[in-house]
């Protein structure tokens, strides 16, 4: 941080020297950086896509499990209602 503070407080010649140096080195440095960054970016994107697909599969499986549970609960509720109506005696008649 101190280096940047010194440069910003320095004179115009220092700023120009840094600018010219960056302009001269950019055509050399940028292809090297791009050559390294491209495979890294591709790997990151590939990993993201794989995780996304695995997430979709997992979410679908969880959805199926929840649907099965809901169906089981509905079946239990309807079975409970059937047994309740079967055990309730008609009006005026005592329960046996």
PDB file of N, CA and C in Angstrom:
ATOM      1  N   UNK A   1       0.831  -1.187   0.000  1.00  0.00           N
ATOM      2  CA  UNK A   1       0.000   0.000   0.000  1.00  0.00           C
ATOM      3  C   UNK A   1       0.872   1.246   0.000  1.00  0.00           C
ATOM      4  N   UNK A   2       2.008   1.139   0.687  1.00  0.00           N
ATOM      5  CA  UNK A   2       2.916   2.267   0.746  1.00  0.00           C
ATOM      6  C   UNK A   2       3.462   2.620  -0.620  1.00  0.00           C
ATOM      7  N   UNK A   3       3.703   1.613  -1.461  1.00  0.00           N
ATOM      8  CA  UNK A   3       4.218   1.850  -2.803  1.00  0.00           C
ATOM      9  C   UNK A   3       3.230   2.677  -3.610  1.00  0.00           C
ATOM     10  N   UNK A   4       1.944   2.330  -3.531  1.00  0.00           N
ATOM     11  CA  UNK A   4       0.940   3.089  -4.276  1.00  0.00           C
ATOM     12  C   UNK A   4       0.800   4.506  -3.740  1.00  0.00           C
ATOM     13  N   UNK A   5       0.905   4.660  -2.437  1.00  0.00           N
ATOM     14  CA  UNK A   5       0.830   6.008  -1.860  1.00  0.00           C
ATOM     15  C   UNK A   5       1.999   6.867  -2.342  1.00  0.00           C
ATOM     16  N   UNK A   6       3.197   6.258  -2.389  1.00  0.00           N
ATOM     17  CA  UNK A   6       4.363   7.004  -2.857  1.00  0.00           C
ATOM     18  C   UNK A   6       4.215   7.394  -4.322  1.00  0.00           C
ATOM     19  N   UNK A   7       3.677   6.483  -5.133  1.00  0.00           N
ATOM     20  CA  UNK A   7       3.513   6.772  -6.551  1.00  0.00           C
ATOM     21  C   UNK A   7       2.490   7.877  -6.747  1.00  0.00           C
ATOM     22  N   UNK A   8       1.383   7.802  -6.004  1.00  0.00           N
ATOM     23  CA  UNK A   8       0.347   8.819  -6.153  1.00  0.00           C
ATOM     24  C   UNK A   8       0.832  10.180  -5.679  1.00  0.00           C
ATOM     25  N   UNK A   9       1.710  10.200  -4.699  1.00  0.00           N
ATOM     26  CA  UNK A   9       2.231  11.472  -4.197  1.00  0.00           C
ATOM     27  C   UNK A   9       3.438  11.942  -5.012  1.00  0.00           C
ATOM     28  N   UNK A  10       3.975  11.050  -5.857  1.00  0.00           N
ATOM     29  CA  UNK A  10       5.173  11.375  -6.634  1.00  0.00           C
ATOM     30  C   UNK A  10       4.874  12.364  -7.743  1.00  0.00           C
ATOM     31  N   UNK A  11       5.868  12.584  -8.549  1.00  0.00           N
ATOM     32  CA  UNK A  11       5.715  13.562  -9.622  1.00  0.00           C
ATOM     33  C   UNK A  11       5.154  12.921 -10.889  1.00  0.00           C
ATOM     34  N   UNK A  12       4.957  13.690 -11.898  1.00  0.00           N
ATOM     35  CA  UNK A  12       4.354  13.255 -13.150  1.00  0.00           C
ATOM     36  C   UNK A  12       5.276  12.288 -13.895  1.00  0.00           C
ATOM     37  N   UNK A  13       6.570  12.469 -13.783  1.00  0.00           N
ATOM     38  CA  UNK A  13       7.525  11.623 -14.489  1.00  0.00           C
ATOM     39  C   UNK A  13       7.410  10.176 -13.997  1.00  0.00           C
ATOM     40  N   UNK A  14       7.250  10.006 -12.698  1.00  0.00           N
ATOM     41  CA  UNK A  14       7.101   8.663 -12.146  1.00  0.00           C
ATOM     42  C   UNK A  14       5.831   8.011 -12.687  1.00  0.00           C
ATOM     43  N   UNK A  15       4.740   8.736 -12.724  1.00  0.00           N
ATOM     44  CA  UNK A  15       3.480   8.221 -13.248  1.00  0.00           C
ATOM     45  C   UNK A  15       3.594   7.845 -14.713  1.00  0.00           C
ATOM     46  N   UNK A  16       4.259   8.695 -15.500  1.00  0.00           N
ATOM     47  CA  UNK A  16       4.459   8.400 -16.916  1.00  0.00           C
ATOM     48  C   UNK A  16       5.332   7.156 -17.101  1.00  0.00           C
ATOM     49  N   UNK A  17       6.351   7.011 -16.289  1.00  0.00           N
ATOM     50  CA  UNK A  17       7.237   5.858 -16.400  1.00  0.00           C
ATOM     51  C   UNK A  17       6.474   4.571 -16.108  1.00  0.00           C
ATOM     52  N   UNK A  18       5.630   4.593 -15.115  1.00  0.00           N
ATOM     53  CA  UNK A  18       4.830   3.414 -14.795  1.00  0.00           C
ATOM     54  C   UNK A  18       3.846   3.121 -15.926  1.00  0.00           C
ATOM     55  N   UNK A  19       3.206   4.132 -16.464  1.00  0.00           N
ATOM     56  CA  UNK A  19       2.264   3.959 -17.569  1.00  0.00           C
ATOM     57  C   UNK A  19       2.930   3.401 -18.806  1.00  0.00           C
ATOM     58  N   UNK A  20       4.101   3.926 -19.170  1.00  0.00           N
ATOM     59  CA  UNK A  20       4.825   3.446 -20.352  1.00  0.00           C
ATOM     60  C   UNK A  20       5.301   2.017 -20.115  1.00  0.00           C
ATOM     61  N   UNK A  21       5.775   1.732 -18.917  1.00  0.00           N
ATOM     62  CA  UNK A  21       6.221   0.372 -18.602  1.00  0.00           C
ATOM     63  C   UNK A  21       5.073  -0.624 -18.716  1.00  0.00           C
ATOM     64  N   UNK A  22       3.909  -0.247 -18.221  1.00  0.00           N
ATOM     65  CA  UNK A  22       2.743  -1.127 -18.312  1.00  0.00           C
ATOM     66  C   UNK A  22       2.338  -1.321 -19.772  1.00  0.00           C
ATOM     67  N   UNK A  23       2.401  -0.266 -20.579  1.00  0.00           N
ATOM     68  CA  UNK A  23       2.032  -0.362 -21.996  1.00  0.00           C
ATOM     69  C   UNK A  23       3.004  -1.249 -22.756  1.00  0.00           C
ATOM     70  N   UNK A  24       4.282  -1.200 -22.391  1.00  0.00           N
ATOM     71  CA  UNK A  24       5.279  -2.021 -23.076  1.00  0.00           C
ATOM     72  C   UNK A  24       5.163  -3.479 -22.645  1.00  0.00           C
ATOM     73  N   UNK A  25       4.920  -3.732 -21.378  1.00  0.00           N
ATOM     74  CA  UNK A  25       4.853  -5.098 -20.863  1.00  0.00           C
ATOM     75  C   UNK A  25       3.511  -5.772 -21.114  1.00  0.00           C
ATOM     76  N   UNK A  26       2.463  -5.034 -21.325  1.00  0.00           N
ATOM     77  CA  UNK A  26       1.127  -5.611 -21.486  1.00  0.00           C
ATOM     78  C   UNK A  26       1.054  -6.635 -22.625  1.00  0.00           C
ATOM     79  N   UNK A  27       1.587  -6.344 -23.813  1.00  0.00           N
ATOM     80  CA  UNK A  27       1.501  -7.351 -24.887  1.00  0.00           C
ATOM     81  C   UNK A  27       2.252  -8.643 -24.568  1.00  0.00           C
ATOM     82  N   UNK A  28       3.219  -8.582 -23.680  1.00  0.00           N
ATOM     83  CA  UNK A  28       3.973  -9.777 -23.308  1.00  0.00           C
ATOM     84  C   UNK A  28       3.289 -10.513 -22.162  1.00  0.00           C
ATOM     85  N   UNK A  29       2.825  -9.773 -21.194  1.00  0.00           N
ATOM     86  CA  UNK A  29       2.270 -10.358 -19.969  1.00  0.00           C
ATOM     87  C   UNK A  29       0.846 -10.869 -20.176  1.00  0.00           C
ATOM     88  N   UNK A  30       0.027 -10.153 -20.908  1.00  0.00           N
ATOM     89  CA  UNK A  30      -1.376 -10.542 -21.072  1.00  0.00           C
ATOM     90  C   UNK A  30      -1.559 -11.908 -21.720  1.00  0.00           C
ATOM     91  N   UNK A  31      -0.846 -12.274 -22.781  1.00  0.00           N
ATOM     92  CA  UNK A  31      -1.017 -13.630 -23.330  1.00  0.00           C
ATOM     93  C   UNK A  31      -0.614 -14.727 -22.340  1.00  0.00           C
ATOM     94  N   UNK A  32       0.409 -14.465 -21.549  1.00  0.00           N
ATOM     95  CA  UNK A  32       0.833 -15.446 -20.551  1.00  0.00           C
ATOM     96  C   UNK A  32      -0.255 -15.612 -19.499  1.00  0.00           C
ATOM     97  N   UNK A  33      -0.784 -14.509 -19.041  1.00  0.00           N
ATOM     98  CA  UNK A  33      -1.866 -14.560 -18.041  1.00  0.00           C
ATOM     99  C   UNK A  33      -3.099 -15.229 -18.640  1.00  0.00           C
ATOM    100  N   UNK A  34      -3.427 -14.895 -19.880  1.00  0.00           N
ATOM    101  CA  UNK A  34      -4.594 -15.506 -20.539  1.00  0.00           C
ATOM    102  C   UNK A  34      -4.384 -17.003 -20.725  1.00  0.00           C
ATOM    103  N   UNK A  35      -3.159 -17.419 -21.051  1.00  0.00           N
ATOM    104  CA  UNK A  35      -2.868 -18.838 -21.218  1.00  0.00           C
ATOM    105  C   UNK A  35      -3.055 -19.617 -19.923  1.00  0.00           C
ATOM    106  N   UNK A  36      -2.777 -19.002 -18.798  1.00  0.00           N
ATOM    107  CA  UNK A  36      -2.955 -19.652 -17.501  1.00  0.00           C
ATOM    108  C   UNK A  36      -4.407 -19.537 -17.037  1.00  0.00           C
ATOM    109  N   UNK A  37      -5.014 -18.395 -17.268  1.00  0.00           N
ATOM    110  CA  UNK A  37      -6.360 -18.138 -16.747  1.00  0.00           C
ATOM    111  C   UNK A  37      -7.435 -18.921 -17.498  1.00  0.00           C
ATOM    112  N   UNK A  38      -7.243 -19.171 -18.771  1.00  0.00           N
ATOM    113  CA  UNK A  38      -8.277 -19.858 -19.559  1.00  0.00           C
ATOM    114  C   UNK A  38      -8.532 -21.278 -19.057  1.00  0.00           C
ATOM    115  N   UNK A  39      -7.520 -22.114 -18.855  1.00  0.00           N
ATOM    116  CA  UNK A  39      -7.796 -23.452 -18.318  1.00  0.00           C
ATOM    117  C   UNK A  39      -8.408 -23.412 -16.917  1.00  0.00           C
ATOM    118  N   UNK A  40      -7.975 -22.462 -16.124  1.00  0.00           N
ATOM    119  CA  UNK A  40      -8.539 -22.336 -14.775  1.00  0.00           C
ATOM    120  C   UNK A  40     -10.008 -21.956 -14.858  1.00  0.00           C
ATOM    121  N   UNK A  41     -10.333 -21.017 -15.735  1.00  0.00           N
ATOM    122  CA  UNK A  41     -11.730 -20.604 -15.901  1.00  0.00           C
ATOM    123  C   UNK A  41     -12.577 -21.756 -16.435  1.00  0.00           C
ATOM    124  N   UNK A  42     -12.043 -22.510 -17.400  1.00  0.00           N
ATOM    125  CA  UNK A  42     -12.784 -23.651 -17.947  1.00  0.00           C
ATOM    126  C   UNK A  42     -13.032 -24.704 -16.872  1.00  0.00           C
ATOM    127  N   UNK A  43     -12.032 -24.967 -16.053  1.00  0.00           N
ATOM    128  CA  UNK A  43     -12.187 -25.949 -14.981  1.00  0.00           C
ATOM    129  C   UNK A  43     -13.238 -25.485 -13.971  1.00  0.00           C
ATOM    130  N   UNK A  44     -13.233 -24.206 -13.659  1.00  0.00           N
ATOM    131  CA  UNK A  44     -14.220 -23.678 -12.718  1.00  0.00           C
ATOM    132  C   UNK A  44     -15.630 -23.782 -13.288  1.00  0.00           C
ATOM    133  N   UNK A  45     -15.789 -23.475 -14.559  1.00  0.00           N
ATOM    134  CA  UNK A  45     -17.102 -23.564 -15.197  1.00  0.00           C
ATOM    135  C   UNK A  45     -17.557 -25.017 -15.264  1.00  0.00           C
ATOM    136  N   UNK A  46     -16.634 -25.917 -15.610  1.00  0.00           N
ATOM    137  CA  UNK A  46     -16.971 -27.341 -15.679  1.00  0.00           C
ATOM    138  C   UNK A  46     -17.408 -27.849 -14.309  1.00  0.00           C
ATOM    139  N   UNK A  47     -16.683 -27.475 -13.279  1.00  0.00           N
ATOM    140  CA  UNK A  47     -17.050 -27.875 -11.927  1.00  0.00           C
ATOM    141  C   UNK A  47     -18.410 -27.331 -11.526  1.00  0.00           C
ATOM    142  N   UNK A  48     -18.687 -26.099 -11.894  1.00  0.00           N
ATOM    143  CA  UNK A  48     -19.987 -25.511 -11.593  1.00  0.00           C
ATOM    144  C   UNK A  48     -21.123 -26.240 -12.289  1.00  0.00           C
ATOM    145  N   UNK A  49     -20.911 -26.602 -13.552  1.00  0.00           N
ATOM    146  CA  UNK A  49     -21.946 -27.333 -14.286  1.00  0.00           C
ATOM    147  C   UNK A  49     -22.189 -28.717 -13.691  1.00  0.00           C
ATOM    148  N   UNK A  50     -21.106 -29.400 -13.297  1.00  0.00           N
ATOM    149  CA  UNK A  50     -21.255 -30.722 -12.688  1.00  0.00           C
ATOM    150  C   UNK A  50     -22.028 -30.608 -11.381  1.00  0.00           C
ATOM    151  N   UNK A  51     -21.679 -29.625 -10.565  1.00  0.00           N
ATOM    152  CA  UNK A  51     -22.408 -29.424  -9.304  1.00  0.00           C
ATOM    153  C   UNK A  51     -23.870 -29.094  -9.554  1.00  0.00           C
ATOM    154  N   UNK A  52     -24.148 -28.293 -10.574  1.00  0.00           N
ATOM    155  CA  UNK A  52     -25.522 -27.933 -10.897  1.00  0.00           C
ATOM    156  C   UNK A  52     -26.332 -29.165 -11.275  1.00  0.00           C
ATOM    157  N   UNK A  53     -25.748 -30.014 -12.143  1.00  0.00           N
ATOM    158  CA  UNK A  53     -26.447 -31.233 -12.561  1.00  0.00           C
ATOM    159  C   UNK A  53     -26.677 -32.174 -11.381  1.00  0.00           C
ATOM    160  N   UNK A  54     -25.670 -32.335 -10.525  1.00  0.00           N
ATOM    161  CA  UNK A  54     -25.824 -33.194  -9.342  1.00  0.00           C
ATOM    162  C   UNK A  54     -26.900 -32.616  -8.422  1.00  0.00           C
ATOM    163  N   UNK A  55     -26.940 -31.304  -8.313  1.00  0.00           N
ATOM    164  CA  UNK A  55     -27.960 -30.659  -7.484  1.00  0.00           C
ATOM    165  C   UNK A  55     -29.355 -30.898  -8.025  1.00  0.00           C
ATOM    166  N   UNK A  56     -29.502 -30.832  -9.355  1.00  0.00           N
ATOM    167  CA  UNK A  56     -30.809 -31.099  -9.958  1.00  0.00           C
ATOM    168  C   UNK A  56     -31.247 -32.532  -9.685  1.00  0.00           C
ATOM    169  N   UNK A  57     -30.312 -33.483  -9.832  1.00  0.00           N
ATOM    170  CA  UNK A  57     -30.642 -34.886  -9.579  1.00  0.00           C
ATOM    171  C   UNK A  57     -31.046 -35.094  -8.121  1.00  0.00           C
ATOM    172  N   UNK A  58     -30.278 -34.523  -7.212  1.00  0.00           N
ATOM    173  CA  UNK A  58     -30.564 -34.673  -5.789  1.00  0.00           C
ATOM    174  C   UNK A  58     -31.915 -34.052  -5.448  1.00  0.00           C
ATOM    175  N   UNK A  59     -32.186 -32.884  -6.007  1.00  0.00           N
ATOM    176  CA  UNK A  59     -33.462 -32.215  -5.743  1.00  0.00           C
ATOM    177  C   UNK A  59     -34.625 -33.050  -6.265  1.00  0.00           C
ATOM    178  N   UNK A  60     -34.461 -33.676  -7.429  1.00  0.00           N
ATOM    179  CA  UNK A  60     -35.519 -34.524  -7.984  1.00  0.00           C
ATOM    180  C   UNK A  60     -35.751 -35.742  -7.090  1.00  0.00           C
ATOM    181  N   UNK A  61     -34.667 -36.340  -6.590  1.00  0.00           N
ATOM    182  CA  UNK A  61     -34.806 -37.499  -5.714  1.00  0.00           C
ATOM    183  C   UNK A  61     -35.504 -37.119  -4.406  1.00  0.00           C
ATOM    184  N   UNK A  62     -35.143 -35.979  -3.850  1.00  0.00           N
ATOM    185  CA  UNK A  62     -35.794 -35.512  -2.619  1.00  0.00           C
ATOM    186  C   UNK A  62     -37.262 -35.242  -2.885  1.00  0.00           C
ATOM    187  N   UNK A  63     -37.585 -34.674  -4.035  1.00  0.00           N
ATOM    188  CA  UNK A  63     -38.979 -34.427  -4.397  1.00  0.00           C
ATOM    189  C   UNK A  63     -39.772 -35.719  -4.478  1.00  0.00           C
ATOM    190  N   UNK A  64     -39.174 -36.762  -5.033  1.00  0.00           N
ATOM    191  CA  UNK A  64     -39.860 -38.055  -5.117  1.00  0.00           C
ATOM    192  C   UNK A  64     -40.107 -38.632  -3.728  1.00  0.00           C
ATOM    193  N   UNK A  65     -39.123 -38.509  -2.846  1.00  0.00           N
ATOM    194  CA  UNK A  65     -39.286 -39.018  -1.482  1.00  0.00           C
ATOM    195  C   UNK A  65     -40.409 -38.277  -0.776  1.00  0.00           C
ATOM    196  N   UNK A  66     -40.457 -36.964  -0.933  1.00  0.00           N
ATOM    197  CA  UNK A  66     -41.514 -36.164  -0.303  1.00  0.00           C
ATOM    198  C   UNK A  66     -42.874 -36.545  -0.877  1.00  0.00           C
ATOM    199  N   UNK A  67     -42.957 -36.734  -2.191  1.00  0.00           N
ATOM    200  CA  UNK A  67     -44.233 -37.141  -2.795  1.00  0.00           C
ATOM    201  C   UNK A  67     -44.688 -38.490  -2.240  1.00  0.00           C
ATOM    202  N   UNK A  68     -43.753 -39.434  -2.088  1.00  0.00           N
ATOM    203  CA  UNK A  68     -44.102 -40.738  -1.523  1.00  0.00           C
ATOM    204  C   UNK A  68     -44.610 -40.595  -0.090  1.00  0.00           C
ATOM    205  N   UNK A  69     -43.937 -39.754   0.688  1.00  0.00           N
ATOM    206  CA  UNK A  69     -44.375 -39.544   2.074  1.00  0.00           C
ATOM    207  C   UNK A  69     -45.766 -38.926   2.136  1.00  0.00           C
ATOM    208  N   UNK A  70     -46.015 -37.954   1.267  1.00  0.00           N
ATOM    209  CA  UNK A  70     -47.332 -37.319   1.234  1.00  0.00           C
ATOM    210  C   UNK A  70     -48.400 -38.335   0.860  1.00  0.00           C
ATOM    211  N   UNK A  71     -48.119 -39.185  -0.103  1.00  0.00           N
ATOM    212  CA  UNK A  71     -49.085 -40.214  -0.508  1.00  0.00           C
ATOM    213  C   UNK A  71     -49.352 -41.187   0.646  1.00  0.00           C
ATOM    214  N   UNK A  72     -48.296 -41.572   1.372  1.00  0.00           N
ATOM    215  CA  UNK A  72     -48.477 -42.474   2.506  1.00  0.00           C
ATOM    216  C   UNK A  72     -49.323 -41.828   3.594  1.00  0.00           C
ATOM    217  N   UNK A  73     -49.060 -40.563   3.881  1.00  0.00           N
ATOM    218  CA  UNK A  73     -49.829 -39.861   4.918  1.00  0.00           C
ATOM    219  C   UNK A  73     -51.283 -39.733   4.508  1.00  0.00           C
ATOM    220  N   UNK A  74     -51.534 -39.411   3.243  1.00  0.00           N
ATOM    221  CA  UNK A  74     -52.924 -39.320   2.781  1.00  0.00           C
ATOM    222  C   UNK A  74     -53.625 -40.668   2.903  1.00  0.00           C
ATOM    223  N   UNK A  75     -52.920 -41.741   2.565  1.00  0.00           N
ATOM    224  CA  UNK A  75     -53.510 -43.078   2.688  1.00  0.00           C
ATOM    225  C   UNK A  75     -53.815 -43.396   4.153  1.00  0.00           C
ATOM    226  N   UNK A  76     -52.912 -43.040   5.062  1.00  0.00           N
ATOM    227  CA  UNK A  76     -53.142 -43.278   6.487  1.00  0.00           C
ATOM    228  C   UNK A  76     -54.327 -42.470   6.992  1.00  0.00           C
ATOM    229  N   UNK A  77     -54.444 -41.228   6.529  1.00  0.00           N
ATOM    230  CA  UNK A  77     -55.568 -40.386   6.952  1.00  0.00           C
ATOM    231  C   UNK A  77     -56.879 -40.974   6.457  1.00  0.00           C
ATOM    232  N   UNK A  78     -56.925 -41.377   5.189  1.00  0.00           N
ATOM    233  CA  UNK A  78     -58.180 -41.939   4.668  1.00  0.00           C
ATOM    234  C   UNK A  78     -58.507 -43.266   5.363  1.00  0.00           C
ATOM    235  N   UNK A  79     -57.497 -44.051   5.688  1.00  0.00           N
ATOM    236  CA  UNK A  79     -57.724 -45.305   6.421  1.00  0.00           C
ATOM    237  C   UNK A  79     -58.249 -45.013   7.824  1.00  0.00           C
ATOM    238  N   UNK A  80     -57.711 -44.003   8.482  1.00  0.00           N
ATOM    239  CA  UNK A  80     -58.177 -43.623   9.812  1.00  0.00           C
ATOM    240  C   UNK A  80     -59.625 -43.137   9.754  1.00  0.00           C
ATOM    241  N   UNK A  81     -59.958 -42.379   8.713  1.00  0.00           N
ATOM    242  CA  UNK A  81     -61.332 -41.902   8.565  1.00  0.00           C
ATOM    243  C   UNK A  81     -62.290 -43.062   8.336  1.00  0.00           C
ATOM    244  N   UNK A  82     -61.865 -44.064   7.557  1.00  0.00           N
ATOM    245  CA  UNK A  82     -62.717 -45.234   7.313  1.00  0.00           C
ATOM    246  C   UNK A  82     -62.968 -46.009   8.597  1.00  0.00           C
ATOM    247  N   UNK A  83     -61.937 -46.182   9.408  1.00  0.00           N
ATOM    248  CA  UNK A  83     -62.124 -46.925  10.660  1.00  0.00           C
ATOM    249  C   UNK A  83     -62.962 -46.132  11.642  1.00  0.00           C
ATOM    250  N   UNK A  84     -62.844 -44.806  11.629  1.00  0.00           N
ATOM    251  CA  UNK A  84     -63.679 -43.975  12.508  1.00  0.00           C
ATOM    252  C   UNK A  84     -65.146 -44.094  12.124  1.00  0.00           C
ATOM    253  N   UNK A  85     -65.438 -44.011  10.845  1.00  0.00           N
ATOM    254  CA  UNK A  85     -66.835 -44.079  10.418  1.00  0.00           C
ATOM    255  C   UNK A  85     -67.406 -45.477  10.645  1.00  0.00           C
ATOM    256  N   UNK A  86     -66.568 -46.507  10.601  1.00  0.00           N
ATOM    257  CA  UNK A  86     -67.041 -47.870  10.823  1.00  0.00           C
ATOM    258  C   UNK A  86     -67.324 -48.123  12.306  1.00  0.00           C
ATOM    259  N   UNK A  87     -66.596 -47.469  13.195  1.00  0.00           N
ATOM    260  CA  UNK A  87     -66.783 -47.710  14.634  1.00  0.00           C
ATOM    261  C   UNK A  87     -67.839 -46.801  15.233  1.00  0.00           C
ATOM    262  N   UNK A  88     -68.232 -45.746  14.547  1.00  0.00           N
ATOM    263  CA  UNK A  88     -69.276 -44.867  15.079  1.00  0.00           C
ATOM    264  C   UNK A  88     -70.628 -45.538  14.866  1.00  0.00           C
ATOM    265  N   UNK A  89     -71.368 -45.646  15.940  1.00  0.00           N
ATOM    266  CA  UNK A  89     -72.682 -46.319  15.858  1.00  0.00           C
ATOM    267  C   UNK A  89     -73.711 -45.348  15.291  1.00  0.00           C
ATOM    268  N   UNK A  90     -74.687 -45.859  14.604  1.00  0.00           N
ATOM    269  CA  UNK A  90     -75.770 -45.006  14.117  1.00  0.00           C
ATOM    270  C   UNK A  90     -76.492 -44.363  15.314  1.00  0.00           C
ATOM    271  N   UNK A  91     -77.162 -43.268  15.048  1.00  0.00           N
ATOM    272  CA  UNK A  91     -77.857 -42.546  16.103  1.00  0.00           C
ATOM    273  C   UNK A  91     -78.894 -43.407  16.776  1.00  0.00           C
ATOM    274  N   UNK A  92     -78.943 -43.332  18.094  1.00  0.00           N
ATOM    275  CA  UNK A  92     -79.954 -44.060  18.850  1.00  0.00           C
ATOM    276  C   UNK A  92     -79.528 -45.470  19.205  1.00  0.00           C
ATOM    277  N   UNK A  93     -78.496 -45.969  18.629  1.00  0.00           N
ATOM    278  CA  UNK A  93     -78.062 -47.327  18.938  1.00  0.00           C
ATOM    279  C   UNK A  93     -76.799 -47.256  19.796  1.00  0.00           C
ATOM    280  N   UNK A  94     -76.722 -48.047  20.839  1.00  0.00           N
ATOM    281  CA  UNK A  94     -75.515 -48.027  21.681  1.00  0.00           C
ATOM    282  C   UNK A  94     -74.359 -48.707  20.994  1.00  0.00           C
ATOM    283  N   UNK A  95     -73.159 -48.249  21.361  1.00  0.00           N
ATOM    284  CA  UNK A  95     -71.959 -48.907  20.820  1.00  0.00           C
ATOM    285  C   UNK A  95     -71.794 -50.282  21.432  1.00  0.00           C
ATOM    286  N   UNK A  96     -71.403 -51.236  20.641  1.00  0.00           N
ATOM    287  CA  UNK A  96     -71.230 -52.595  21.165  1.00  0.00           C
ATOM    288  C   UNK A  96     -69.832 -52.811  21.634  1.00  0.00           C
TER     289      UNK A  96
END
